[in-house]
């Protein structure tokens, strides 16, 4: 393989999704309060730590998302690392229609971030920068506050299914 090599012309979305699916990820809820005080949110499995100084994380959001345009200009976003028992919440937050927060216990912060109760960790963030990347945007998030409970195991997503870490 040469240092710079073009991608195979037959490399399609299904093949990429299958290969990317071998990598397990955590699952997060990305949420904020709308102007009328109702929660808006989506599920994202692309949450990644980026920098300790300054404190930055990132998510990737598809250009086809109809929820991201409602969230991107909020003063604060809540990132909740969903717990192993919250697979139903994840499915709800990923749904294309319906009330994504029906039956979910959540709290809003003074700055409008929405955090899901019972999660493994919470981050209160602001959008720092948005970088276009193919059919997604890479959203860099500046972390303003956080909390974590290592006694609460995280939800893991791999091969299009939810899993629990061994020993849970």
C-alpha atoms as a PDB file:
ATOM      1  CA  UNK A   1       0.000   0.000   0.000  1.00  0.00           C
ATOM      2  CA  UNK A   2       1.396   3.388  -0.951  1.00  0.00           C
ATOM      3  CA  UNK A   3       1.456   6.320   1.479  1.00  0.00           C
ATOM      4  CA  UNK A   4      -1.415   7.976  -0.382  1.00  0.00           C
ATOM      5  CA  UNK A   5      -3.923   5.679  -1.984  1.00  0.00           C
ATOM      6  CA  UNK A   6      -7.379   6.381  -3.341  1.00  0.00           C
ATOM      7  CA  UNK A   7     -10.379   4.624  -1.771  1.00  0.00           C
ATOM      8  CA  UNK A   8     -11.786   1.714  -3.756  1.00  0.00           C
ATOM      9  CA  UNK A   9     -14.512   2.926  -6.112  1.00  0.00           C
ATOM     10  CA  UNK A  10     -16.838   0.162  -4.826  1.00  0.00           C
ATOM     11  CA  UNK A  11     -16.542   1.320  -1.225  1.00  0.00           C
ATOM     12  CA  UNK A  12     -20.196   1.951  -0.361  1.00  0.00           C
ATOM     13  CA  UNK A  13     -22.137   3.055   2.728  1.00  0.00           C
ATOM     14  CA  UNK A  14     -23.288  -0.486   3.631  1.00  0.00           C
ATOM     15  CA  UNK A  15     -19.725  -1.820   3.481  1.00  0.00           C
ATOM     16  CA  UNK A  16     -18.433   1.106   5.567  1.00  0.00           C
ATOM     17  CA  UNK A  17     -21.240   0.745   8.136  1.00  0.00           C
ATOM     18  CA  UNK A  18     -20.452  -2.981   8.455  1.00  0.00           C
ATOM     19  CA  UNK A  19     -16.730  -2.354   9.007  1.00  0.00           C
ATOM     20  CA  UNK A  20     -17.257   0.627  11.343  1.00  0.00           C
ATOM     21  CA  UNK A  21     -19.680  -1.549  13.324  1.00  0.00           C
ATOM     22  CA  UNK A  22     -16.823  -3.732  14.549  1.00  0.00           C
ATOM     23  CA  UNK A  23     -15.687  -0.863  16.766  1.00  0.00           C
ATOM     24  CA  UNK A  24     -17.676  -0.649  20.026  1.00  0.00           C
ATOM     25  CA  UNK A  25     -18.707   2.816  21.175  1.00  0.00           C
ATOM     26  CA  UNK A  26     -20.564   4.352  24.029  1.00  0.00           C
ATOM     27  CA  UNK A  27     -23.887   6.039  23.362  1.00  0.00           C
ATOM     28  CA  UNK A  28     -24.767   9.577  24.356  1.00  0.00           C
ATOM     29  CA  UNK A  29     -27.837  11.772  24.493  1.00  0.00           C
ATOM     30  CA  UNK A  30     -27.212  15.276  23.145  1.00  0.00           C
ATOM     31  CA  UNK A  31     -29.954  17.581  24.410  1.00  0.00           C
ATOM     32  CA  UNK A  32     -30.988  21.124  25.265  1.00  0.00           C
ATOM     33  CA  UNK A  33     -34.069  23.112  26.141  1.00  0.00           C
ATOM     34  CA  UNK A  34     -36.027  24.768  23.328  1.00  0.00           C
ATOM     35  CA  UNK A  35     -37.199  28.349  23.764  1.00  0.00           C
ATOM     36  CA  UNK A  36     -40.528  27.054  25.098  1.00  0.00           C
ATOM     37  CA  UNK A  37     -38.774  24.934  27.774  1.00  0.00           C
ATOM     38  CA  UNK A  38     -39.338  21.553  26.133  1.00  0.00           C
ATOM     39  CA  UNK A  39     -36.359  19.234  25.654  1.00  0.00           C
ATOM     40  CA  UNK A  40     -34.847  18.634  22.205  1.00  0.00           C
ATOM     41  CA  UNK A  41     -32.379  15.809  21.735  1.00  0.00           C
ATOM     42  CA  UNK A  42     -30.758  13.093  19.697  1.00  0.00           C
ATOM     43  CA  UNK A  43     -28.641   9.987  20.253  1.00  0.00           C
ATOM     44  CA  UNK A  44     -24.991   9.999  19.185  1.00  0.00           C
ATOM     45  CA  UNK A  45     -22.499   7.150  19.304  1.00  0.00           C
ATOM     46  CA  UNK A  46     -19.641   9.323  18.049  1.00  0.00           C
ATOM     47  CA  UNK A  47     -18.800  11.123  21.324  1.00  0.00           C
ATOM     48  CA  UNK A  48     -15.019  11.413  21.704  1.00  0.00           C
ATOM     49  CA  UNK A  49     -12.656  13.127  24.104  1.00  0.00           C
ATOM     50  CA  UNK A  50     -10.486  15.624  22.212  1.00  0.00           C
ATOM     51  CA  UNK A  51      -8.432  17.755  24.608  1.00  0.00           C
ATOM     52  CA  UNK A  52      -7.780  18.153  28.325  1.00  0.00           C
ATOM     53  CA  UNK A  53      -6.515  21.736  28.004  1.00  0.00           C
ATOM     54  CA  UNK A  54      -8.757  23.308  26.897  1.00  0.00           C
ATOM     55  CA  UNK A  55     -11.456  20.780  27.850  1.00  0.00           C
ATOM     56  CA  UNK A  56     -12.928  19.644  24.513  1.00  0.00           C
ATOM     57  CA  UNK A  57     -14.976  16.711  23.252  1.00  0.00           C
ATOM     58  CA  UNK A  58     -16.636  16.054  19.909  1.00  0.00           C
ATOM     59  CA  UNK A  59     -19.642  14.462  18.284  1.00  0.00           C
ATOM     60  CA  UNK A  60     -20.376  13.810  14.617  1.00  0.00           C
ATOM     61  CA  UNK A  61     -23.785  14.736  13.242  1.00  0.00           C
ATOM     62  CA  UNK A  62     -25.210  13.749   9.855  1.00  0.00           C
ATOM     63  CA  UNK A  63     -26.211  16.556   7.502  1.00  0.00           C
ATOM     64  CA  UNK A  64     -29.575  14.791   7.200  1.00  0.00           C
ATOM     65  CA  UNK A  65     -30.368  15.278  10.901  1.00  0.00           C
ATOM     66  CA  UNK A  66     -33.522  17.315  11.414  1.00  0.00           C
ATOM     67  CA  UNK A  67     -32.785  17.708  15.140  1.00  0.00           C
ATOM     68  CA  UNK A  68     -29.247  19.098  14.944  1.00  0.00           C
ATOM     69  CA  UNK A  69     -30.376  22.423  13.387  1.00  0.00           C
ATOM     70  CA  UNK A  70     -32.589  22.887  16.473  1.00  0.00           C
ATOM     71  CA  UNK A  71     -29.667  22.215  18.838  1.00  0.00           C
ATOM     72  CA  UNK A  72     -26.641  23.804  17.168  1.00  0.00           C
ATOM     73  CA  UNK A  73     -27.318  27.374  18.312  1.00  0.00           C
ATOM     74  CA  UNK A  74     -28.351  26.592  21.904  1.00  0.00           C
ATOM     75  CA  UNK A  75     -26.212  28.270  24.597  1.00  0.00           C
ATOM     76  CA  UNK A  76     -25.480  24.916  26.231  1.00  0.00           C
ATOM     77  CA  UNK A  77     -25.855  21.280  25.237  1.00  0.00           C
ATOM     78  CA  UNK A  78     -26.084  18.418  27.689  1.00  0.00           C
ATOM     79  CA  UNK A  79     -24.171  15.273  26.801  1.00  0.00           C
ATOM     80  CA  UNK A  80     -25.327  12.279  28.843  1.00  0.00           C
ATOM     81  CA  UNK A  81     -23.310   9.066  28.559  1.00  0.00           C
ATOM     82  CA  UNK A  82     -26.168   6.582  28.643  1.00  0.00           C
ATOM     83  CA  UNK A  83     -26.025   3.758  31.167  1.00  0.00           C
ATOM     84  CA  UNK A  84     -26.254   0.039  30.343  1.00  0.00           C
ATOM     85  CA  UNK A  85     -29.924  -0.039  31.404  1.00  0.00           C
ATOM     86  CA  UNK A  86     -30.874   2.903  29.128  1.00  0.00           C
ATOM     87  CA  UNK A  87     -31.110   1.141  25.757  1.00  0.00           C
ATOM     88  CA  UNK A  88     -34.820   2.056  25.529  1.00  0.00           C
ATOM     89  CA  UNK A  89     -33.943   5.716  26.095  1.00  0.00           C
ATOM     90  CA  UNK A  90     -31.365   5.491  23.325  1.00  0.00           C
ATOM     91  CA  UNK A  91     -33.906   4.035  20.884  1.00  0.00           C
ATOM     92  CA  UNK A  92     -36.358   6.802  21.769  1.00  0.00           C
ATOM     93  CA  UNK A  93     -33.763   9.544  21.297  1.00  0.00           C
ATOM     94  CA  UNK A  94     -32.774   8.047  17.931  1.00  0.00           C
ATOM     95  CA  UNK A  95     -36.383   7.854  16.677  1.00  0.00           C
ATOM     96  CA  UNK A  96     -37.392   9.989  13.712  1.00  0.00           C
ATOM     97  CA  UNK A  97     -40.782  10.906  15.173  1.00  0.00           C
ATOM     98  CA  UNK A  98     -42.766  10.925  18.397  1.00  0.00           C
ATOM     99  CA  UNK A  99     -41.922  12.432  21.774  1.00  0.00           C
ATOM    100  CA  UNK A 100     -38.299  11.441  22.302  1.00  0.00           C
ATOM    101  CA  UNK A 101     -38.478  12.351  25.997  1.00  0.00           C
ATOM    102  CA  UNK A 102     -41.744  10.569  26.883  1.00  0.00           C
ATOM    103  CA  UNK A 103     -41.198   8.654  30.103  1.00  0.00           C
ATOM    104  CA  UNK A 104     -37.559   9.759  30.426  1.00  0.00           C
ATOM    105  CA  UNK A 105     -36.368  11.370  33.619  1.00  0.00           C
ATOM    106  CA  UNK A 106     -34.225  14.428  32.860  1.00  0.00           C
ATOM    107  CA  UNK A 107     -33.195  17.762  34.278  1.00  0.00           C
ATOM    108  CA  UNK A 108     -32.395  21.090  32.698  1.00  0.00           C
ATOM    109  CA  UNK A 109     -29.481  23.270  33.793  1.00  0.00           C
ATOM    110  CA  UNK A 110     -29.627  27.027  34.333  1.00  0.00           C
ATOM    111  CA  UNK A 111     -27.992  27.521  30.912  1.00  0.00           C
ATOM    112  CA  UNK A 112     -30.424  25.232  29.079  1.00  0.00           C
ATOM    113  CA  UNK A 113     -28.542  21.934  28.819  1.00  0.00           C
ATOM    114  CA  UNK A 114     -30.669  18.805  29.278  1.00  0.00           C
ATOM    115  CA  UNK A 115     -29.141  15.885  31.196  1.00  0.00           C
ATOM    116  CA  UNK A 116     -30.652  12.395  31.383  1.00  0.00           C
ATOM    117  CA  UNK A 117     -31.030  11.049  34.935  1.00  0.00           C
ATOM    118  CA  UNK A 118     -29.306   7.743  35.678  1.00  0.00           C
ATOM    119  CA  UNK A 119     -26.571   8.219  33.047  1.00  0.00           C
ATOM    120  CA  UNK A 120     -22.951   7.189  33.630  1.00  0.00           C
ATOM    121  CA  UNK A 121     -21.616  10.711  33.051  1.00  0.00           C
ATOM    122  CA  UNK A 122     -22.848  14.190  32.170  1.00  0.00           C
ATOM    123  CA  UNK A 123     -21.135  17.029  30.351  1.00  0.00           C
ATOM    124  CA  UNK A 124     -22.480  20.548  30.008  1.00  0.00           C
ATOM    125  CA  UNK A 125     -20.999  21.940  26.799  1.00  0.00           C
ATOM    126  CA  UNK A 126     -21.116  24.776  24.300  1.00  0.00           C
ATOM    127  CA  UNK A 127     -20.430  24.427  20.591  1.00  0.00           C
ATOM    128  CA  UNK A 128     -16.853  25.603  20.069  1.00  0.00           C
ATOM    129  CA  UNK A 129     -16.518  24.938  16.340  1.00  0.00           C
ATOM    130  CA  UNK A 130     -18.212  22.998  13.568  1.00  0.00           C
ATOM    131  CA  UNK A 131     -16.050  21.336  10.911  1.00  0.00           C
ATOM    132  CA  UNK A 132     -17.747  20.029   7.749  1.00  0.00           C
ATOM    133  CA  UNK A 133     -16.564  16.486   6.965  1.00  0.00           C
ATOM    134  CA  UNK A 134     -18.217  14.604   4.100  1.00  0.00           C
ATOM    135  CA  UNK A 135     -21.849  13.856   4.889  1.00  0.00           C
ATOM    136  CA  UNK A 136     -21.406  14.809   8.570  1.00  0.00           C
ATOM    137  CA  UNK A 137     -20.276  17.756  10.677  1.00  0.00           C
ATOM    138  CA  UNK A 138     -17.639  17.276  13.359  1.00  0.00           C
ATOM    139  CA  UNK A 139     -18.855  19.339  16.293  1.00  0.00           C
ATOM    140  CA  UNK A 140     -16.174  20.406  18.770  1.00  0.00           C
ATOM    141  CA  UNK A 141     -17.675  20.986  22.200  1.00  0.00           C
ATOM    142  CA  UNK A 142     -16.119  23.048  24.996  1.00  0.00           C
ATOM    143  CA  UNK A 143     -16.877  21.379  28.337  1.00  0.00           C
ATOM    144  CA  UNK A 144     -18.066  23.786  31.051  1.00  0.00           C
ATOM    145  CA  UNK A 145     -19.169  21.330  33.729  1.00  0.00           C
ATOM    146  CA  UNK A 146     -19.267  17.574  34.253  1.00  0.00           C
ATOM    147  CA  UNK A 147     -20.031  14.725  36.611  1.00  0.00           C
ATOM    148  CA  UNK A 148     -19.363  10.989  36.387  1.00  0.00           C
ATOM    149  CA  UNK A 149     -20.469   7.911  38.313  1.00  0.00           C
ATOM    150  CA  UNK A 150     -18.117   4.992  37.641  1.00  0.00           C
ATOM    151  CA  UNK A 151     -20.486   2.701  39.554  1.00  0.00           C
ATOM    152  CA  UNK A 152     -22.994   3.080  36.682  1.00  0.00           C
ATOM    153  CA  UNK A 153     -21.839   0.978  33.704  1.00  0.00           C
ATOM    154  CA  UNK A 154     -22.187   2.557  30.245  1.00  0.00           C
ATOM    155  CA  UNK A 155     -24.316   1.372  27.343  1.00  0.00           C
ATOM    156  CA  UNK A 156     -22.162  -0.051  24.532  1.00  0.00           C
ATOM    157  CA  UNK A 157     -23.139  -0.123  20.852  1.00  0.00           C
ATOM    158  CA  UNK A 158     -21.411  -2.536  18.460  1.00  0.00           C
ATOM    159  CA  UNK A 159     -22.492  -4.351  15.271  1.00  0.00           C
ATOM    160  CA  UNK A 160     -25.848  -2.518  15.322  1.00  0.00           C
ATOM    161  CA  UNK A 161     -26.718  -3.918  18.759  1.00  0.00           C
ATOM    162  CA  UNK A 162     -26.513  -2.819  22.377  1.00  0.00           C
ATOM    163  CA  UNK A 163     -24.129  -4.654  24.685  1.00  0.00           C
ATOM    164  CA  UNK A 164     -22.926  -4.587  28.262  1.00  0.00           C
ATOM    165  CA  UNK A 165     -19.309  -4.688  29.307  1.00  0.00           C
ATOM    166  CA  UNK A 166     -18.151  -8.039  30.707  1.00  0.00           C
ATOM    167  CA  UNK A 167     -18.842  -8.358  34.406  1.00  0.00           C
ATOM    168  CA  UNK A 168     -21.971  -6.188  34.338  1.00  0.00           C
END
